C-alpha atoms as a PDB file:
ATOM      1  CA  MET A   1     -44.590  33.678 -82.166  1.00  0.00           C
ATOM      2  CA  PRO A   2     -44.834  36.104 -85.098  1.00  0.00           C
ATOM      3  CA  ILE A   3     -41.556  37.277 -86.577  1.00  0.00           C
ATOM      4  CA  ASP A   4     -42.016  40.906 -85.456  1.00  0.00           C
ATOM      5  CA  GLU A   5     -42.559  39.816 -81.842  1.00  0.00           C
ATOM      6  CA  TYR A   6     -39.468  37.622 -82.089  1.00  0.00           C
ATOM      7  CA  ILE A   7     -37.368  40.504 -83.449  1.00  0.00           C
ATOM      8  CA  GLU A   8     -38.687  42.840 -80.761  1.00  0.00           C
ATOM      9  CA  HIS A   9     -37.894  40.276 -78.057  1.00  0.00           C
ATOM     10  CA  ARG A  10     -34.346  39.780 -79.387  1.00  0.00           C
ATOM     11  CA  LEU A  11     -33.816  43.540 -79.658  1.00  0.00           C
ATOM     12  CA  ARG A  12     -35.002  44.136 -76.088  1.00  0.00           C
ATOM     13  CA  ARG A  13     -32.738  41.349 -74.826  1.00  0.00           C
ATOM     14  CA  PHE A  14     -29.799  42.716 -76.805  1.00  0.00           C
ATOM     15  CA  LEU A  15     -30.346  46.200 -75.362  1.00  0.00           C
ATOM     16  CA  ALA A  16     -30.687  44.847 -71.829  1.00  0.00           C
ATOM     17  CA  VAL A  17     -27.458  42.836 -72.121  1.00  0.00           C
ATOM     18  CA  THR A  18     -25.650  45.771 -73.739  1.00  0.00           C
ATOM     19  CA  LEU A  19     -26.691  48.149 -70.952  1.00  0.00           C
ATOM     20  CA  LEU A  20     -25.708  45.595 -68.322  1.00  0.00           C
ATOM     21  CA  MET A  21     -22.261  45.150 -69.886  1.00  0.00           C
ATOM     22  CA  LEU A  22     -21.835  48.922 -70.201  1.00  0.00           C
ATOM     23  CA  ALA A  23     -22.673  49.370 -66.519  1.00  0.00           C
ATOM     24  CA  ALA A  24     -20.256  46.582 -65.578  1.00  0.00           C
ATOM     25  CA  SER A  25     -17.456  48.103 -67.655  1.00  0.00           C
ATOM     26  CA  LEU A  26     -18.034  51.548 -66.149  1.00  0.00           C
ATOM     27  CA  LEU A  27     -17.897  50.063 -62.647  1.00  0.00           C
ATOM     28  CA  GLY A  28     -14.716  48.234 -63.606  1.00  0.00           C
ATOM     29  CA  LEU A  29     -13.147  51.410 -64.972  1.00  0.00           C
ATOM     30  CA  GLY A  30     -14.085  53.218 -61.755  1.00  0.00           C
ATOM     31  CA  GLN A  31     -12.382  50.529 -59.689  1.00  0.00           C
ATOM     32  CA  ILE A  32      -9.277  50.681 -61.876  1.00  0.00           C
ATOM     33  CA  ALA A  33      -9.167  54.482 -61.558  1.00  0.00           C
ATOM     34  CA  ASN A  34      -9.515  54.254 -57.775  1.00  0.00           C
ATOM     35  CA  ALA A  35      -6.750  51.649 -57.616  1.00  0.00           C
ATOM     36  CA  LEU A  36      -4.449  53.848 -59.706  1.00  0.00           C
ATOM     37  CA  LYS A  37      -5.219  56.864 -57.509  1.00  0.00           C
ATOM     38  CA  ALA A  38      -4.439  54.836 -54.383  1.00  0.00           C
ATOM     39  CA  LYS A  39      -1.217  53.578 -55.981  1.00  0.00           C
ATOM     40  CA  GLY A  40      -0.218  57.154 -56.846  1.00  0.00           C
ATOM     41  CA  ARG A  41      -0.902  58.298 -53.278  1.00  0.00           C
ATOM     42  CA  ALA A  42       1.179  55.404 -51.948  1.00  0.00           C
ATOM     43  CA  GLN A  43       4.093  56.358 -54.217  1.00  0.00           C
ATOM     44  CA  ARG A  44       3.988  60.012 -53.103  1.00  0.00           C
ATOM     45  CA  ALA A  45       3.837  59.071 -49.416  1.00  0.00           C
ATOM     46  CA  PRO A  46       7.151  58.636 -47.598  1.00  0.00           C
ATOM     47  CA  ALA A  47       8.451  55.087 -47.709  1.00  0.00           C
ATOM     48  CA  PRO A  48       7.538  53.086 -44.588  1.00  0.00           C
ATOM     49  CA  ALA A  49      10.281  51.755 -42.349  1.00  0.00           C
ATOM     50  CA  ALA A  50      11.770  48.473 -43.496  1.00  0.00           C
ATOM     51  CA  GLY A  51       9.742  45.564 -42.215  1.00  0.00           C
ATOM     52  CA  PRO A  52       8.327  42.248 -43.263  1.00  0.00           C
ATOM     53  CA  ALA A  53       6.950  42.360 -46.785  1.00  0.00           C
ATOM     54  CA  SER A  54       3.176  42.059 -46.853  1.00  0.00           C
END
């Protein structure tokens, strides 16, 4: 494999992995934001009657 093909292959793989990790991190941030929103809504809601802890 010529060196330029090797470099191109490595660059394409690097970009693919980078985009995949970026997408995964954005999905993770979205889940964290949703969890924080749900937690905030739960804190603003009136406290439920005392019962067994879940």
